[in-house]
Protein backbone atom coordinates (compact mmCIF):
# COMPACT_ATOMS: atom_id res chain seq x y z
CA MET A 1 -1.05 -4.77 0.95
CA HIS A 2 -2.29 -4.70 -2.64
CA LEU A 3 -2.37 -1.00 -3.55
CA LEU A 4 -3.82 0.81 -6.55
CA VAL A 5 -2.51 4.34 -7.16
CA VAL A 6 -4.71 6.27 -9.59
CA GLY A 7 -2.62 9.00 -11.17
CA ALA A 8 0.67 7.21 -10.57
CA SER A 9 2.45 9.02 -13.40
CA GLY A 10 1.94 12.32 -11.58
CA PHE A 11 4.41 13.93 -9.16
CA LEU A 12 2.77 12.76 -5.93
CA GLY A 13 1.41 9.50 -7.34
CA GLY A 14 4.86 8.48 -8.50
CA GLU A 15 6.35 9.12 -5.06
CA VAL A 16 3.56 7.14 -3.37
CA CYS A 17 4.36 4.25 -5.72
CA ARG A 18 8.09 4.39 -5.02
CA GLN A 19 7.63 4.39 -1.25
CA ALA A 20 4.94 1.69 -1.37
CA VAL A 21 7.17 -0.65 -3.39
CA ALA A 22 10.09 0.02 -1.01
CA ALA A 23 7.80 -0.92 1.89
CA GLY A 24 7.03 -4.27 0.27
CA HIS A 25 3.54 -3.56 -1.04
CA ARG A 26 2.23 -4.91 -4.34
CA VAL A 27 1.45 -1.83 -6.43
CA VAL A 28 -0.56 -1.14 -9.57
CA GLY A 29 -0.36 2.41 -10.88
CA THR A 30 -2.45 4.08 -13.55
CA HIS A 31 -1.40 6.57 -16.19
CA HIS A 32 -3.20 8.48 -18.93
CA ARG A 33 -0.36 9.29 -21.29
CA ALA A 34 3.16 8.43 -20.12
CA ALA A 35 3.52 5.02 -18.47
CA VAL A 36 4.41 4.85 -14.78
CA ALA A 37 8.19 4.96 -14.45
CA ALA A 38 8.54 3.70 -10.87
CA PRO A 39 10.31 0.30 -10.78
CA GLY A 40 8.24 -2.54 -9.41
CA VAL A 41 4.91 -0.93 -10.32
CA ALA A 42 2.50 -2.62 -12.71
CA SER A 43 1.45 0.21 -15.04
CA ARG A 44 -2.08 0.38 -16.44
CA ARG A 45 -3.49 3.00 -18.79
CA LEU A 46 -6.72 4.60 -17.55
CA ASP A 47 -9.00 7.46 -18.52
CA VAL A 48 -10.71 8.39 -15.25
CA THR A 49 -13.50 10.18 -17.13
CA ASP A 50 -14.61 6.80 -18.50
CA ARG A 51 -16.67 5.35 -15.67
CA ALA A 52 -16.94 1.89 -17.21
CA ALA A 53 -13.18 1.72 -17.75
CA VAL A 54 -12.51 2.74 -14.15
CA ARG A 55 -14.91 0.09 -12.87
CA ALA A 56 -13.38 -2.58 -15.09
CA LEU A 57 -9.84 -1.80 -13.97
CA VAL A 58 -10.64 -1.62 -10.24
CA THR A 59 -12.73 -4.78 -10.26
CA GLY A 60 -9.98 -6.53 -12.21
CA VAL A 61 -7.20 -5.43 -9.85
CA ARG A 62 -9.32 -5.81 -6.68
CA PRO A 63 -6.93 -3.79 -4.48
CA ASP A 64 -7.01 -3.65 -0.71
CA ALA A 65 -6.60 0.11 -0.88
CA VAL A 66 -6.76 2.92 -3.44
CA VAL A 67 -4.88 6.21 -3.42
CA SER A 68 -6.69 8.57 -5.77
CA THR A 69 -4.62 11.52 -7.04
CA PRO A 70 -5.83 12.41 -10.56
CA TYR A 71 -6.55 16.03 -11.43
CA ARG A 72 -6.27 18.42 -14.32
CA PHE A 73 -6.34 22.10 -13.44
CA ASP A 74 -8.77 23.16 -16.18
CA ASP A 75 -10.74 19.94 -16.61
CA TRP A 76 -13.83 19.34 -14.47
CA ALA A 77 -14.36 15.86 -15.91
CA VAL A 78 -10.96 14.65 -14.70
CA THR A 79 -10.89 16.45 -11.34
CA ALA A 80 -14.50 16.03 -10.21
CA ASP A 81 -16.13 13.27 -12.27
CA GLY A 82 -12.96 11.18 -12.29
CA ALA A 83 -12.76 11.26 -8.50
CA ALA A 84 -16.38 10.12 -8.28
CA HIS A 85 -15.75 7.23 -10.67
CA VAL A 86 -12.74 6.04 -8.67
CA ALA A 87 -14.63 6.30 -5.38
CA SER A 88 -17.59 4.35 -6.73
CA ALA A 89 -15.39 1.55 -8.07
CA ALA A 90 -13.30 1.38 -4.88
CA ALA A 91 -16.45 1.14 -2.77
CA GLU A 92 -17.78 -1.66 -4.98
CA VAL A 93 -14.76 -3.88 -4.23
CA GLY A 94 -14.54 -2.81 -0.58
CA ALA A 95 -11.17 -1.07 -0.94
CA ARG A 96 -9.94 1.52 1.54
CA LEU A 97 -9.87 4.90 -0.25
CA VAL A 98 -7.60 7.87 0.36
CA HIS A 99 -8.58 10.74 -1.92
CA LEU A 100 -6.16 13.63 -2.43
CA SER A 101 -7.87 16.99 -2.14
CA SER A 102 -6.55 20.55 -2.09
CA ASP A 103 -6.56 23.86 -0.26
CA ALA A 104 -7.88 25.31 -3.53
CA LEU A 105 -11.43 24.61 -2.36
CA HIS A 106 -11.19 27.41 0.22
CA ALA A 107 -11.87 31.08 -0.56
CA GLY A 108 -8.97 32.42 1.51
CA ARG A 109 -8.84 34.43 4.75
CA PRO A 110 -6.28 35.49 7.38
CA ALA A 111 -7.26 32.73 9.86
CA PRO A 112 -6.13 29.13 9.27
CA TYR A 113 -8.64 26.57 8.05
CA ALA A 114 -9.47 23.59 10.26
CA ASP A 115 -9.77 20.07 8.84
CA ASP A 116 -13.54 19.88 8.49
CA GLU A 117 -14.41 23.38 7.31
CA THR A 118 -16.96 23.54 4.51
CA PRO A 119 -15.47 24.32 1.08
CA THR A 120 -15.98 27.87 -0.19
CA PRO A 121 -14.53 27.78 -3.71
CA VAL A 122 -14.12 30.99 -5.68
CA TYR A 123 -12.72 29.70 -8.98
CA PRO A 124 -13.34 26.68 -11.25
CA TYR A 125 -10.51 24.44 -10.05
CA GLY A 126 -11.50 24.93 -6.42
CA ALA A 127 -15.12 24.20 -7.32
CA ALA A 128 -14.05 20.97 -9.05
CA LYS A 129 -12.05 19.86 -6.00
CA ALA A 130 -15.02 20.68 -3.74
CA ALA A 131 -17.35 18.69 -6.01
CA ALA A 132 -14.90 15.78 -5.94
CA GLU A 133 -14.99 15.74 -2.14
CA THR A 134 -18.79 15.85 -2.12
CA ALA A 135 -19.00 12.92 -4.51
CA VAL A 136 -16.42 10.84 -2.64
CA ARG A 137 -18.10 11.38 0.73
CA ALA A 138 -21.51 10.50 -0.72
CA VAL A 139 -20.25 7.26 -2.27
CA ASP A 140 -17.94 6.22 0.57
CA PRO A 141 -18.42 7.91 3.97
CA GLY A 142 -15.40 5.97 5.27
CA ALA A 143 -13.01 7.48 2.73
CA LEU A 144 -10.22 9.76 3.94
CA LEU A 145 -9.90 13.09 2.15
CA VAL A 146 -6.39 14.48 2.46
CA ARG A 147 -6.44 18.24 1.94
CA THR A 148 -2.98 19.44 1.08
CA SER A 149 -1.21 22.52 -0.24
CA LEU A 150 1.66 23.30 -2.62
CA ILE A 151 3.70 20.12 -3.14
CA LEU A 152 7.43 20.75 -3.32
CA GLY A 153 10.44 18.68 -4.33
CA GLU A 154 12.84 18.40 -7.23
CA GLY A 155 10.75 18.06 -10.36
CA SER A 156 7.72 19.84 -8.92
CA LYS A 157 5.96 22.52 -10.94
CA GLN A 158 6.40 25.03 -8.11
CA ILE A 159 10.17 24.61 -7.89
CA GLN A 160 10.50 24.86 -11.66
CA ARG A 161 8.46 28.06 -11.65
CA CYS A 162 10.71 29.48 -8.94
CA ARG A 163 13.77 28.66 -11.04
CA ASP A 164 12.13 30.32 -14.03
CA ALA A 165 11.29 33.42 -11.97
CA LEU A 166 14.90 33.69 -10.79
CA ALA A 167 15.97 33.53 -14.42
CA GLY A 168 13.45 36.19 -15.43
CA ARG A 169 11.20 33.79 -17.34
CA ALA A 170 8.25 33.73 -14.92
CA THR A 171 6.57 35.75 -12.17
CA LEU A 172 5.70 34.66 -8.62
CA PHE A 173 2.75 35.94 -6.59
CA SER A 174 3.64 37.75 -3.39
CA ASP A 175 0.12 37.60 -1.92
CA GLU A 176 -0.76 33.91 -2.36
CA ILE A 177 -0.06 32.43 1.07
CA ARG A 178 0.09 28.64 1.30
CA CYS A 179 1.52 25.88 3.53
CA PRO A 180 3.90 23.94 1.25
CA VAL A 181 4.70 20.29 1.92
CA ASP A 182 7.51 18.09 0.64
CA VAL A 183 6.38 15.36 -1.75
CA SER A 184 8.23 12.64 0.17
CA ASP A 185 6.65 13.72 3.48
CA LEU A 186 3.18 13.81 1.94
CA ALA A 187 3.56 10.40 0.28
CA ALA A 188 4.79 8.88 3.53
CA ALA A 189 1.85 10.40 5.39
CA VAL A 190 -0.63 9.00 2.86
CA LEU A 191 0.82 5.50 3.19
CA GLU A 192 0.81 5.79 6.97
CA LEU A 193 -2.86 6.81 6.93
CA LEU A 194 -4.00 4.00 4.63
CA PRO A 195 -4.38 1.27 7.30
CA THR A 196 -6.19 3.60 9.72
CA ASP A 197 -9.96 4.02 9.96
CA LEU A 198 -9.81 7.82 9.74
CA ALA A 199 -12.55 9.26 7.54
CA GLY A 200 -13.52 12.66 6.21
CA PRO A 201 -11.25 15.65 5.57
CA LEU A 202 -7.79 15.90 7.12
CA ASN A 203 -5.33 18.74 6.50
CA VAL A 204 -1.88 17.38 5.67
CA ALA A 205 0.43 20.28 4.86
CA GLY A 206 3.59 21.93 6.09
CA PRO A 207 3.73 24.23 9.14
CA ASP A 208 5.19 27.28 7.38
CA GLN A 209 2.85 29.93 5.96
CA VAL A 210 4.65 31.51 3.01
CA SER A 211 3.94 33.15 -0.31
CA ARG A 212 5.03 31.74 -3.64
CA ALA A 213 7.49 34.63 -3.83
CA ASP A 214 8.87 33.65 -0.41
CA ILE A 215 9.51 30.15 -1.75
CA GLY A 216 11.44 31.67 -4.63
CA ARG A 217 13.61 33.67 -2.23
CA LEU A 218 14.26 30.62 -0.05
CA LEU A 219 15.27 28.63 -3.11
CA ALA A 220 17.56 31.43 -4.23
CA ARG A 221 19.29 31.38 -0.85
CA ARG A 222 19.79 27.62 -1.04
CA LEU A 223 21.18 27.90 -4.58
CA GLY A 224 23.41 30.83 -3.68
CA VAL A 225 21.62 33.03 -6.19
CA ASP A 226 20.89 36.75 -5.71
CA PRO A 227 17.08 37.00 -5.29
CA ALA A 228 17.07 40.71 -6.18
CA GLY A 229 15.99 39.95 -9.73
CA LEU A 230 13.09 37.72 -8.69
CA ARG A 231 9.99 38.78 -10.61
CA THR A 232 6.91 39.13 -8.40
CA THR A 233 3.39 40.49 -8.67
CA THR A 234 -0.01 40.16 -6.98
CA THR A 235 -3.08 38.27 -8.10
CA ALA A 236 -5.03 41.54 -8.32
CA ALA A 237 -2.37 43.13 -10.51
CA ALA A 238 -2.46 40.07 -12.74
CA GLY A 239 -6.24 40.33 -13.02
CA LEU A 240 -6.85 36.93 -11.41
CA HIS A 241 -9.72 35.95 -9.15
CA ARG A 242 -8.56 33.06 -7.00
CA PRO A 243 -7.77 32.39 -3.32
CA VAL A 244 -5.05 34.53 -1.77
CA GLU A 245 -4.45 33.67 1.90
CA VAL A 246 -5.11 29.96 2.41
CA ARG A 247 -3.50 28.53 5.53
CA LEU A 248 -4.21 24.92 6.52
CA ASP A 249 -4.09 24.01 10.20
CA SER A 250 -2.45 20.57 10.12
CA ALA A 251 -2.05 20.20 13.88
CA ARG A 252 -4.35 17.17 14.02
CA ALA A 253 -2.39 15.33 11.33
CA ALA A 254 0.91 16.22 12.97
CA GLY A 255 -0.33 14.69 16.21
CA LEU A 256 -1.52 11.51 14.50
CA LEU A 257 1.42 10.83 12.21
CA ARG A 258 4.86 9.40 12.83
CA THR A 259 5.88 11.11 9.59
CA ARG A 260 7.07 14.64 10.29
CA LEU A 261 5.66 17.27 7.96
CA ARG A 262 8.59 19.60 7.45
CA GLY A 263 8.25 23.30 6.71
CA VAL A 264 9.71 24.93 3.63
CA THR A 265 12.32 26.84 5.65
CA GLU A 266 13.69 23.53 6.92
CA LEU A 267 13.53 21.93 3.49
CA PHE A 268 15.54 24.77 1.95
CA ALA A 269 17.99 25.20 4.83
């Protein structure tokens, strides 16, 4: 398979590239600043906000499939417009598209969210991810939208923040419930889903429902560090308005995939 990974210099994109190369696929990966470091990947610079540049790159590469992962937390043009540009170009060359979405597009509630629930964003990043999904589905109804949660693994932002909180340099939220997933599990799931004809939203996240503070405590246990000094707070106390309890029901994905989506308690055992 000839695969294009948009956002290959990112944490998930890089892992998708590494696994794809190991599986024998021909891989082109895009970057915006730092070149793609994964061996065996042809690195191409790309600004996803430039629609003409995206079209030129995709039509030049003519991939069989595209994995689209670009985002920037505070940048609508990258997260929403960029996703639309990639989807449009992929559709033009007839490439299979897997778009990476997020649980951030939900408002939060005690009950888990099913795969196809309508987005209810309550803050700008969630709104951008919801807009990205809307654009992708309009351009390519056959695209798969993988909704995921906190992505863990060595080198992830979440793990680094947990380390900083244990050292007293950061604070973790005790009320933000998520379903973390390991980066290697998620990348394997994405590659496994590429040759399928699944379309629309699919939750692909871990089975454990934990807070960011819980992740910090689990990491402390694995490292043999006393978690007593872990700094925690709540979103309300921090004056933030963003989703609190967001649980993704990934039962459908678990039943479809050979890849096992491990929970954080198993990952940190």
